[in-house]
Protein backbone atom coordinates (compact mmCIF):
# COMPACT_ATOMS: atom_id res chain seq x y z
CA MET A 1 -81.09 111.07 79.64
CA GLY A 2 -78.37 108.55 80.56
CA LYS A 3 -74.69 109.08 80.07
CA THR A 4 -73.35 111.09 77.15
CA VAL A 5 -70.87 109.38 74.86
CA SER A 6 -67.94 111.45 73.69
CA PRO A 7 -67.38 111.29 69.95
CA LYS A 8 -65.02 108.54 69.02
CA ARG A 9 -62.29 109.55 66.61
CA ILE A 10 -62.90 108.20 63.12
CA PRO A 11 -60.06 108.14 60.58
CA ARG A 12 -60.40 111.11 58.28
CA SER A 13 -59.67 108.95 55.27
CA SER A 14 -62.87 106.94 55.89
CA GLY A 15 -65.10 109.76 57.20
CA ILE A 16 -68.09 111.25 55.43
CA GLY A 17 -66.57 114.73 55.33
CA PHE A 18 -63.40 113.51 53.70
CA ARG A 19 -65.31 111.55 51.09
CA LEU A 20 -67.60 114.49 50.35
CA ALA A 21 -64.61 116.80 50.03
CA VAL A 22 -62.83 114.34 47.76
CA LEU A 23 -65.96 113.92 45.67
CA SER A 24 -66.48 117.69 45.35
CA SER A 25 -62.80 118.31 44.60
CA SER A 26 -62.83 115.48 42.06
CA VAL A 27 -65.82 116.99 40.28
CA VAL A 28 -64.17 120.43 40.25
CA LEU A 29 -60.89 118.90 39.11
CA LEU A 30 -62.66 116.96 36.37
CA VAL A 31 -64.49 120.05 35.10
CA MET A 32 -61.35 122.15 35.23
CA SER A 33 -59.33 119.37 33.59
CA VAL A 34 -61.77 119.23 30.67
CA ALA A 35 -61.70 123.00 30.40
CA GLY A 36 -57.91 123.00 30.64
CA TYR A 37 -57.65 120.31 28.00
CA LEU A 38 -59.81 122.34 25.64
CA LEU A 39 -57.82 125.47 26.47
CA VAL A 40 -54.49 123.74 25.82
CA ASN A 41 -55.78 122.37 22.52
CA LEU A 42 -57.02 125.83 21.57
CA GLN A 43 -53.70 127.41 22.51
CA GLN A 44 -51.85 124.70 20.60
CA THR A 45 -53.99 125.43 17.55
CA VAL A 46 -53.36 129.18 17.90
CA LEU A 47 -49.60 128.70 18.26
CA MET A 48 -49.59 126.34 15.28
CA GLU A 49 -51.55 128.83 13.18
CA GLU A 50 -49.16 131.63 14.20
CA ALA A 51 -46.20 129.51 13.13
CA VAL A 52 -47.90 128.71 9.81
CA ASP A 53 -48.78 132.41 9.25
CA ARG A 54 -45.21 133.55 9.98
CA ALA A 55 -43.79 130.88 7.71
CA ALA A 56 -46.29 131.76 4.97
CA ALA A 57 -45.43 135.45 5.29
CA LEU A 58 -41.73 134.64 4.97
CA LEU A 59 -42.30 132.51 1.86
CA GLY A 60 -44.74 135.06 0.44
CA THR A 61 -42.10 137.78 0.68
CA LEU A 62 -39.56 135.51 -1.00
CA ALA A 63 -41.98 134.43 -3.75
CA VAL A 64 -41.95 137.82 -5.53
CA PRO A 65 -38.20 138.02 -6.37
CA CYS A 66 -38.11 134.28 -7.01
CA ALA A 67 -40.85 134.68 -9.61
CA GLY A 68 -38.76 137.29 -11.46
CA ALA A 69 -35.64 135.15 -11.42
CA ALA A 70 -37.59 132.08 -12.54
CA ALA A 71 -39.18 134.04 -15.35
CA VAL A 72 -35.77 134.80 -16.91
CA GLY A 73 -34.38 131.33 -16.03
CA ASP A 74 -31.71 132.71 -13.69
CA THR A 75 -31.12 129.71 -11.38
CA GLU A 76 -28.03 131.25 -9.83
CA GLN A 77 -30.10 134.20 -8.73
CA LEU A 78 -32.70 131.77 -7.29
CA ASP A 79 -30.01 129.97 -5.28
CA GLY A 80 -28.80 133.33 -4.05
CA TYR A 81 -32.28 134.37 -2.93
CA LEU A 82 -32.79 131.08 -1.05
CA ALA A 83 -29.38 131.25 0.60
CA GLU A 84 -29.89 134.89 1.54
CA ILE A 85 -33.29 134.34 3.12
CA ALA A 86 -31.96 131.28 4.95
CA GLN A 87 -29.00 133.22 6.36
CA ALA A 88 -30.67 136.57 6.94
CA GLY A 89 -34.16 135.87 8.13
CA GLY A 90 -34.70 132.12 8.39
CA ARG A 91 -32.64 131.05 11.34
CA HIS A 92 -34.61 133.02 13.94
CA MET A 93 -37.78 131.28 12.66
CA GLY A 94 -36.18 127.80 12.85
CA LEU A 95 -35.84 127.42 9.09
CA ILE A 96 -34.28 124.09 8.23
CA SER A 97 -34.37 124.12 4.42
CA ILE A 98 -36.05 125.87 1.51
CA THR A 99 -36.49 124.56 -2.03
CA MET A 100 -37.78 125.96 -5.33
CA LEU A 101 -39.67 123.49 -7.56
CA ASP A 102 -40.85 124.03 -11.13
CA TYR A 103 -44.38 123.27 -12.32
CA ARG A 104 -43.48 119.60 -12.75
CA GLY A 105 -42.04 119.32 -9.26
CA ARG A 106 -38.44 119.27 -10.40
CA LEU A 107 -35.78 121.00 -8.28
CA LEU A 108 -34.82 124.48 -9.52
CA ALA A 109 -32.91 125.77 -6.51
CA ASN A 110 -32.11 124.87 -2.94
CA SER A 111 -30.71 126.59 0.13
CA ALA A 112 -26.96 126.52 0.65
CA ASP A 113 -25.14 123.30 1.62
CA GLY A 114 -24.52 122.56 5.24
CA VAL A 115 -27.36 122.41 7.74
CA PHE A 116 -29.75 123.42 4.99
CA GLY A 117 -30.98 120.83 2.61
CA LEU A 118 -31.00 118.07 5.25
CA VAL A 119 -34.78 117.83 5.09
CA SER A 120 -36.57 117.69 1.77
CA ALA A 121 -40.24 117.51 0.99
CA ALA A 122 -41.75 114.05 0.75
CA LYS A 123 -42.78 113.03 -2.73
CA SER A 124 -46.48 112.97 -1.91
CA PHE A 125 -46.35 116.42 -0.30
CA ARG A 126 -44.27 117.78 -3.21
CA GLU A 127 -46.83 116.51 -5.71
CA ARG A 128 -49.69 118.09 -3.80
CA ALA A 129 -47.76 121.35 -3.35
CA VAL A 130 -47.07 121.68 -7.11
CA LYS A 131 -50.77 121.22 -7.89
CA ALA A 132 -52.14 123.37 -5.05
CA LYS A 133 -53.22 126.95 -5.85
CA GLN A 134 -52.95 127.99 -2.22
CA PRO A 135 -50.29 127.39 0.43
CA ILE A 136 -50.52 123.97 2.09
CA TRP A 137 -48.68 122.59 5.11
CA ARG A 138 -48.15 119.50 7.19
CA ARG A 139 -46.53 118.60 10.51
CA PHE A 140 -44.38 115.49 10.91
CA GLU A 141 -41.40 114.15 12.84
CA ASP A 142 -38.11 113.43 11.13
CA VAL A 143 -35.88 110.41 11.72
CA GLN A 144 -34.49 112.06 14.87
CA ALA A 145 -38.01 112.61 16.25
CA VAL A 146 -37.74 116.39 15.71
CA PRO A 147 -41.13 118.01 15.02
CA VAL A 148 -41.07 119.75 11.61
CA LEU A 149 -43.51 122.10 9.87
CA GLU A 150 -43.40 121.80 6.09
CA LEU A 151 -45.07 124.62 4.10
CA SER A 152 -45.51 125.30 0.36
CA MET A 153 -46.08 128.65 -1.37
CA PRO A 154 -47.00 129.05 -5.07
CA VAL A 155 -44.60 131.41 -6.92
CA VAL A 156 -46.88 133.47 -9.13
CA SER A 157 -46.23 136.59 -11.18
CA GLY A 158 -48.82 136.63 -13.92
CA LEU A 159 -47.97 132.99 -14.52
CA ARG A 160 -47.07 130.29 -12.03
CA TRP A 161 -43.30 129.89 -12.20
CA GLY A 162 -42.92 127.26 -9.53
CA THR A 163 -43.46 126.42 -5.87
CA LEU A 164 -41.45 127.20 -2.75
CA VAL A 165 -41.27 124.40 -0.14
CA ALA A 166 -39.72 125.16 3.25
CA SER A 167 -39.20 123.12 6.46
CA PHE A 168 -39.20 124.73 9.93
CA ASP A 169 -38.08 123.36 13.30
CA MET A 170 -41.17 123.24 15.59
CA ARG A 171 -39.37 122.46 18.83
CA PRO A 172 -39.69 126.03 20.21
CA VAL A 173 -43.46 125.89 19.64
CA GLU A 174 -43.71 122.41 21.18
CA GLU A 175 -41.75 123.58 24.23
CA ARG A 176 -44.16 126.47 24.73
CA ILE A 177 -47.11 124.07 24.54
CA TYR A 178 -45.44 121.63 27.00
CA LEU A 179 -44.76 124.46 29.47
CA LEU A 180 -48.34 125.69 29.14
CA ARG A 181 -49.67 122.21 29.98
CA TRP A 182 -47.59 121.95 33.15
CA MET A 183 -48.56 125.42 34.32
CA LEU A 184 -52.23 124.61 33.79
CA ALA A 185 -51.93 121.25 35.58
CA LEU A 186 -50.30 122.84 38.64
CA THR A 187 -52.93 125.58 38.68
CA LEU A 188 -55.77 123.04 38.54
CA LEU A 189 -54.19 120.98 41.31
CA GLY A 190 -53.84 124.00 43.55
CA VAL A 191 -57.42 125.15 42.99
CA ALA A 192 -58.82 121.66 43.57
CA SER A 193 -56.79 121.21 46.76
CA THR A 194 -57.94 124.58 48.11
CA MET A 195 -61.57 123.82 47.36
CA GLY A 196 -61.20 120.39 48.99
CA VAL A 197 -59.89 121.90 52.21
CA VAL A 198 -62.65 124.52 52.27
CA LEU A 199 -65.36 121.96 51.57
CA TYR A 200 -63.98 119.56 54.17
CA ALA A 201 -63.91 122.24 56.87
CA GLY A 202 -67.43 123.45 56.07
CA LEU A 203 -69.00 120.01 55.81
CA SER A 204 -67.28 118.80 58.97
CA ARG A 205 -68.78 121.62 61.00
CA ILE A 206 -72.26 121.53 59.52
CA VAL A 207 -72.89 117.86 58.74
CA VAL A 208 -70.11 115.45 59.58
CA THR A 209 -69.63 116.10 63.31
CA PRO A 210 -73.33 115.57 64.22
CA ILE A 211 -73.46 112.43 62.05
CA ARG A 212 -70.34 111.09 63.75
CA ARG A 213 -71.95 111.58 67.14
CA LEU A 214 -75.02 109.69 65.99
CA ALA A 215 -72.84 106.88 64.63
CA GLN A 216 -70.83 106.58 67.85
CA VAL A 217 -73.94 106.38 70.01
CA ALA A 218 -75.35 103.73 67.66
CA GLU A 219 -72.08 101.79 68.00
CA ALA A 220 -72.26 102.01 71.79
CA MET A 221 -75.83 100.65 71.73
CA GLU A 222 -74.73 97.86 69.41
CA GLN A 223 -72.10 96.89 72.01
CA GLY A 224 -74.75 96.71 74.71
CA ASP A 225 -74.70 100.19 76.26
CA LEU A 226 -78.38 101.07 75.88
CA SER A 227 -77.98 104.06 78.22
CA ALA A 228 -75.88 105.96 75.65
CA ARG A 229 -77.42 109.23 74.46
CA ILE A 230 -76.41 112.01 72.07
CA GLU A 231 -76.58 115.77 72.52
CA ILE A 232 -76.82 117.98 69.43
CA ASP A 233 -77.67 121.61 70.11
CA SER A 234 -79.48 122.44 66.90
CA GLU A 235 -83.07 122.70 65.72
CA ASP A 236 -82.47 121.47 62.19
CA GLU A 237 -83.10 118.02 60.75
CA LEU A 238 -80.06 116.57 62.52
CA GLY A 239 -81.30 117.91 65.87
CA LEU A 240 -84.71 116.31 65.31
CA ALA A 241 -83.05 113.06 64.31
CA ALA A 242 -80.96 113.11 67.51
CA GLY A 243 -84.06 113.63 69.65
CA ALA A 244 -85.89 110.79 67.95
CA PHE A 245 -82.81 108.59 68.34
CA ASN A 246 -82.57 109.30 72.08
CA LYS A 247 -86.27 108.55 72.55
CA MET A 248 -85.89 105.28 70.67
CA GLY A 249 -82.87 104.40 72.84
CA ALA A 250 -84.84 104.99 76.06
CA GLU A 251 -87.72 102.80 74.84
CA LEU A 252 -85.32 100.10 73.70
CA GLN A 253 -83.54 100.13 77.07
CA SER A 254 -86.81 99.75 78.97
CA TYR A 255 -88.02 96.98 76.68
CA THR A 256 -84.70 95.16 76.85
CA GLN A 257 -84.61 95.20 80.63
CA SER A 258 -88.13 93.78 80.78
CA LEU A 259 -87.25 91.18 78.18
CA GLU A 260 -84.10 90.15 80.05
CA ARG A 261 -86.13 89.46 83.18
CA ARG A 262 -88.56 87.28 81.28
CA VAL A 263 -85.73 85.51 79.44
CA GLU A 264 -84.04 84.68 82.73
CA GLU A 265 -87.23 83.15 84.07
CA ARG A 266 -87.74 81.10 80.91
CA SER A 267 -84.06 80.13 80.88
CA ALA A 268 -84.35 78.56 84.30
CA GLU A 269 -87.32 76.49 83.07
CA VAL A 270 -85.45 75.53 79.90
CA ARG A 271 -82.39 74.42 81.87
CA THR A 272 -84.54 72.11 83.94
CA LYS A 273 -86.21 70.68 80.85
CA ASN A 274 -82.84 70.29 79.14
CA GLU A 275 -81.48 68.26 82.02
CA GLU A 276 -84.49 65.96 81.81
CA LEU A 277 -84.13 65.79 78.03
CA GLU A 278 -80.43 64.89 78.28
CA VAL A 279 -81.31 61.91 80.49
CA LEU A 280 -83.95 60.78 77.99
CA ASN A 281 -81.59 61.31 75.05
CA ALA A 282 -78.90 59.21 76.69
CA ALA A 283 -81.37 56.40 77.26
CA LEU A 284 -82.70 56.71 73.72
CA LYS A 285 -79.19 56.72 72.27
CA GLY A 286 -78.35 53.54 74.14
CA ALA A 287 -81.57 51.90 72.95
CA VAL A 288 -80.88 52.92 69.33
CA THR A 289 -77.33 51.57 69.55
CA ASN A 290 -78.62 48.27 70.93
CA LEU A 291 -81.28 48.10 68.24
CA GLU A 292 -78.76 48.79 65.46
CA THR A 293 -76.56 46.02 66.84
CA LEU A 294 -79.47 43.58 67.03
CA VAL A 295 -80.49 44.32 63.45
CA VAL A 296 -77.10 43.26 62.02
CA THR A 297 -76.06 40.61 64.61
CA ASP A 298 -76.91 36.95 65.01
CA SER A 299 -78.38 36.59 68.50
CA LEU A 300 -76.77 33.20 69.19
CA THR A 301 -73.19 33.65 67.97
CA GLU A 302 -72.99 37.49 68.15
CA VAL A 303 -71.41 37.69 64.68
CA HIS A 304 -73.11 39.32 61.68
CA ASN A 305 -76.36 37.82 60.51
CA ARG A 306 -77.17 36.66 57.00
CA ARG A 307 -79.22 39.71 56.01
CA HIS A 308 -76.43 42.11 56.92
CA PHE A 309 -73.85 39.91 55.20
CA ASN A 310 -75.85 39.93 51.95
CA GLU A 311 -75.90 43.74 52.01
CA VAL A 312 -72.16 43.92 52.64
CA LEU A 313 -71.46 41.34 49.93
CA GLU A 314 -73.39 43.29 47.30
CA PHE A 315 -71.59 46.52 48.19
CA GLU A 316 -68.10 45.02 48.33
CA PHE A 317 -68.66 43.04 45.13
CA ARG A 318 -69.56 46.20 43.23
CA ARG A 319 -66.56 48.00 44.71
CA SER A 320 -64.20 45.17 43.72
CA ALA A 321 -65.68 45.11 40.20
CA ARG A 322 -65.04 48.83 39.80
CA SER A 323 -61.51 48.77 41.23
CA GLN A 324 -60.59 45.37 39.74
CA HIS A 325 -59.53 44.08 43.15
CA PRO A 326 -59.92 40.36 44.01
CA LEU A 327 -62.53 39.08 46.45
CA THR A 328 -62.73 35.64 48.11
CA LEU A 329 -65.76 34.04 49.79
CA MET A 330 -65.63 30.96 52.07
CA MET A 331 -68.48 28.78 53.26
CA VAL A 332 -67.62 27.10 56.59
CA ASP A 333 -69.84 24.25 57.83
CA VAL A 334 -69.50 22.39 61.15
CA ASP A 335 -69.01 18.66 60.43
CA ASN A 336 -71.50 16.10 61.82
CA PHE A 337 -73.43 18.82 63.65
CA LYS A 338 -76.79 17.01 63.39
CA SER A 339 -75.34 13.92 65.10
CA PHE A 340 -73.80 16.16 67.74
CA ASN A 341 -77.20 17.74 68.44
CA ASP A 342 -78.85 14.31 68.63
CA ASN A 343 -76.24 13.02 71.10
CA PHE A 344 -75.70 16.05 73.32
CA GLY A 345 -78.83 18.17 72.84
CA HIS A 346 -79.55 21.52 71.27
CA GLN A 347 -78.14 23.56 74.16
CA ALA A 348 -74.75 21.86 73.75
CA GLY A 349 -75.03 22.41 69.98
CA ASP A 350 -75.67 26.12 70.52
CA GLU A 351 -72.62 26.27 72.79
CA ILE A 352 -70.50 24.66 70.04
CA LEU A 353 -71.72 27.22 67.47
CA ARG A 354 -70.83 30.08 69.79
CA HIS A 355 -67.31 28.71 70.29
CA VAL A 356 -66.82 28.04 66.56
CA ALA A 357 -67.87 31.63 65.79
CA GLN A 358 -65.42 32.93 68.40
CA VAL A 359 -62.54 30.81 67.04
CA LEU A 360 -63.23 31.98 63.49
CA GLN A 361 -63.47 35.62 64.56
CA ASP A 362 -60.20 35.42 66.53
CA THR A 363 -58.38 33.82 63.59
CA LEU A 364 -59.56 36.18 60.87
CA ARG A 365 -58.14 39.61 60.09
CA SER A 366 -59.87 42.77 61.27
CA THR A 367 -60.83 43.59 57.66
CA ASP A 368 -62.47 40.19 57.05
CA ILE A 369 -66.24 39.82 57.46
CA LEU A 370 -67.74 36.83 59.31
CA ALA A 371 -71.45 35.98 59.46
CA ARG A 372 -73.68 33.08 60.42
CA TYR A 373 -75.32 32.00 57.20
CA GLY A 374 -77.80 29.56 58.72
CA GLY A 375 -77.87 26.58 61.10
CA GLU A 376 -74.28 25.36 61.54
CA GLU A 377 -73.05 27.19 58.42
CA PHE A 378 -70.86 30.32 58.50
CA VAL A 379 -69.71 32.55 55.66
CA VAL A 380 -66.48 34.59 55.45
CA LEU A 381 -65.74 37.45 53.04
CA LEU A 382 -62.03 38.20 52.45
CA LEU A 383 -61.56 41.67 50.98
CA ASP A 384 -58.76 42.31 48.46
CA THR A 385 -57.78 38.63 48.64
CA ALA A 386 -57.16 36.29 45.72
CA GLY A 387 -58.15 32.61 45.64
CA THR A 388 -54.71 31.19 46.51
CA ARG A 389 -54.44 33.35 49.60
CA GLY A 390 -58.08 32.55 50.44
CA GLU A 391 -57.32 28.82 50.39
CA MET A 392 -54.47 29.38 52.87
CA ILE A 393 -56.73 31.37 55.20
CA GLY A 394 -59.43 28.69 54.91
CA ASP A 395 -56.93 26.01 55.97
CA LYS A 396 -55.84 28.24 58.85
CA LEU A 397 -59.46 28.45 60.03
CA ARG A 398 -59.88 24.69 59.71
CA GLU A 399 -56.76 24.04 61.80
CA ALA A 400 -57.85 26.59 64.44
CA VAL A 401 -61.21 24.85 64.90
CA GLU A 402 -59.66 21.39 64.91
CA SER A 403 -57.13 22.31 67.61
CA PHE A 404 -59.65 24.09 69.85
CA SER A 405 -60.96 22.26 72.97
CA PHE A 406 -64.76 22.46 72.90
CA PRO A 407 -66.72 21.82 76.13
CA VAL A 408 -69.70 19.62 75.33
CA GLY A 409 -71.51 20.02 78.64
CA ARG A 410 -70.96 20.92 82.26
CA ASN A 411 -69.19 17.70 83.27
CA THR A 412 -68.70 16.05 79.88
CA PRO A 413 -65.18 15.34 78.49
CA LEU A 414 -63.95 17.45 75.55
CA ALA A 415 -65.19 16.43 72.11
CA GLN A 416 -63.55 16.74 68.68
CA VAL A 417 -65.13 19.41 66.42
CA THR A 418 -64.07 20.03 62.78
CA VAL A 419 -65.26 22.13 59.87
CA SER A 420 -65.36 21.79 56.09
CA VAL A 421 -64.48 24.90 54.05
CA GLY A 422 -65.42 25.80 50.46
CA VAL A 423 -63.58 28.65 48.67
CA ALA A 424 -64.57 30.66 45.59
CA SER A 425 -63.03 33.90 44.30
CA PHE A 426 -63.83 36.88 42.13
CA PRO A 427 -63.03 37.31 39.31
CA GLU A 428 -61.62 33.81 38.72
CA ASP A 429 -64.69 31.77 39.71
CA ALA A 430 -67.74 34.04 39.41
CA ASP A 431 -68.79 37.36 37.91
CA ASP A 432 -71.68 38.16 40.25
CA ALA A 433 -72.23 37.97 43.99
CA GLN A 434 -74.94 35.29 44.02
CA LEU A 435 -72.92 32.98 41.77
CA LEU A 436 -69.92 33.47 44.04
CA VAL A 437 -71.97 32.23 47.04
CA GLU A 438 -73.29 29.24 45.09
CA ARG A 439 -69.83 28.14 43.98
CA ALA A 440 -68.32 28.51 47.43
CA ASP A 441 -71.23 26.38 48.67
CA GLN A 442 -70.48 23.76 46.00
CA ALA A 443 -66.84 23.68 47.07
CA MET A 444 -67.90 23.26 50.73
CA TYR A 445 -70.09 20.25 49.86
CA ALA A 446 -67.20 18.83 47.85
CA ALA A 447 -65.03 19.09 51.00
CA LYS A 448 -67.64 17.18 52.99
CA ALA A 449 -67.93 14.56 50.27
CA ALA A 450 -64.15 14.14 50.26
CA GLY A 451 -64.10 13.19 53.95
CA ARG A 452 -64.79 16.44 55.89
CA ASN A 453 -62.28 18.50 57.89
CA ARG A 454 -60.72 19.84 54.72
CA VAL A 455 -60.65 22.86 52.36
CA GLU A 456 -61.83 22.67 48.77
CA VAL A 457 -61.45 25.40 46.11
CA TRP A 458 -64.12 25.60 43.43
CA THR A 459 -63.19 24.33 39.98
CA GLU A 460 -65.19 23.78 36.82
CA GLU A 461 -65.16 20.01 37.48
CA LEU A 462 -67.29 20.59 40.59
CA GLU A 463 -69.98 22.11 38.37
CA LYS A 464 -70.53 18.70 36.77
CA GLN A 465 -70.81 16.84 40.09
CA GLU A 466 -73.84 16.60 42.35
CA PHE A 467 -73.53 16.72 46.14
CA SER A 468 -76.20 16.00 48.71
CA PRO A 469 -76.26 17.77 52.09
CA SER A 470 -75.00 15.55 54.91
């Protein structure tokens, strides 16, 4: 069966039993809360009705003598009745004030001065009370937030002689309701807590503990211990699940061991193939690097070739147009190169081109782009450089070539080599890449026509002149 894994302690707050107990207690608490809410509302209604009934009984008792006094117009007697009821029987009921109104709602009598008379019926309630044939009431809060019950009672003795309106302090009733709510809330909390504990204990014994054992064995298998097994001494669904789980674990362990042996054998083969592949990849990488270099490099001078330069020019021209940065292009041509080839041979001419390319490359900045444009002609692209600065760089290149000692052959004395440079800039001289090349070329031919070994910047006057290659 393999080794038995002891149950690993799981925090109660995240366990199944705890969550089931919380869920059950929550449901019980919810049901009891709804029932308690309804019960409190019912009790509040009952207490309110009792207060209204007691107040109505008090006013009903007072209405009979008040009707007699009103019938004979004895207002002093009415005041006496109101003061007497306020002093004798009203205080224990929380009576605040009592008023007698005639059929038009005018004041006939009021309770004695002092604490009585501080609250009077609102006009709207007074109007409704005078018209009502039955007692009416309302609950409101005064300016000091004291709950008040206001009740009216028709004064009838054969005829309607007026209406009694009284105000009662409802704080004792509100306090009883508040106390009832707290008692109910504490009772509900106690019952829910007790049921939660009972449910947690029962579910832990019956369901949670076996499930935890299953989970811990599954965790051990996940960590690589395929020999882990679980023991549950029961014949219920959990016991059957444990048996099936143990059988699955044994099959998985056997299959895994077999698979590991085959993987090790294949791994040895793969390692050998990988070593061979790494050697081939290294060779292929070197070949690709060489090929990429050959694609963009002039084979003679080892600077960029014309095709690559055209691609870079198009890209950089668009970038400069977007960012409004200047761009300068220079055409550099070796002077009298055809005569040099005729006198010293093509091999010596090739050697001169290689040295010129090296001198130009050494003189330029690392951000500048140099390429062989064709034959003895080179092209230079100066990024973020205006025409004035480009002219200075062109003259620097010319001086560097002029001062360099070029070997013409193995045992031949040094020869003088010079270059002519044409400069054109964006945006001053051209608004597209091809036109920029053409105008730099025109400036270069103007330099040759002016005597060679010089730098010429393109101007509009050059557009009107014609130059022939020489």
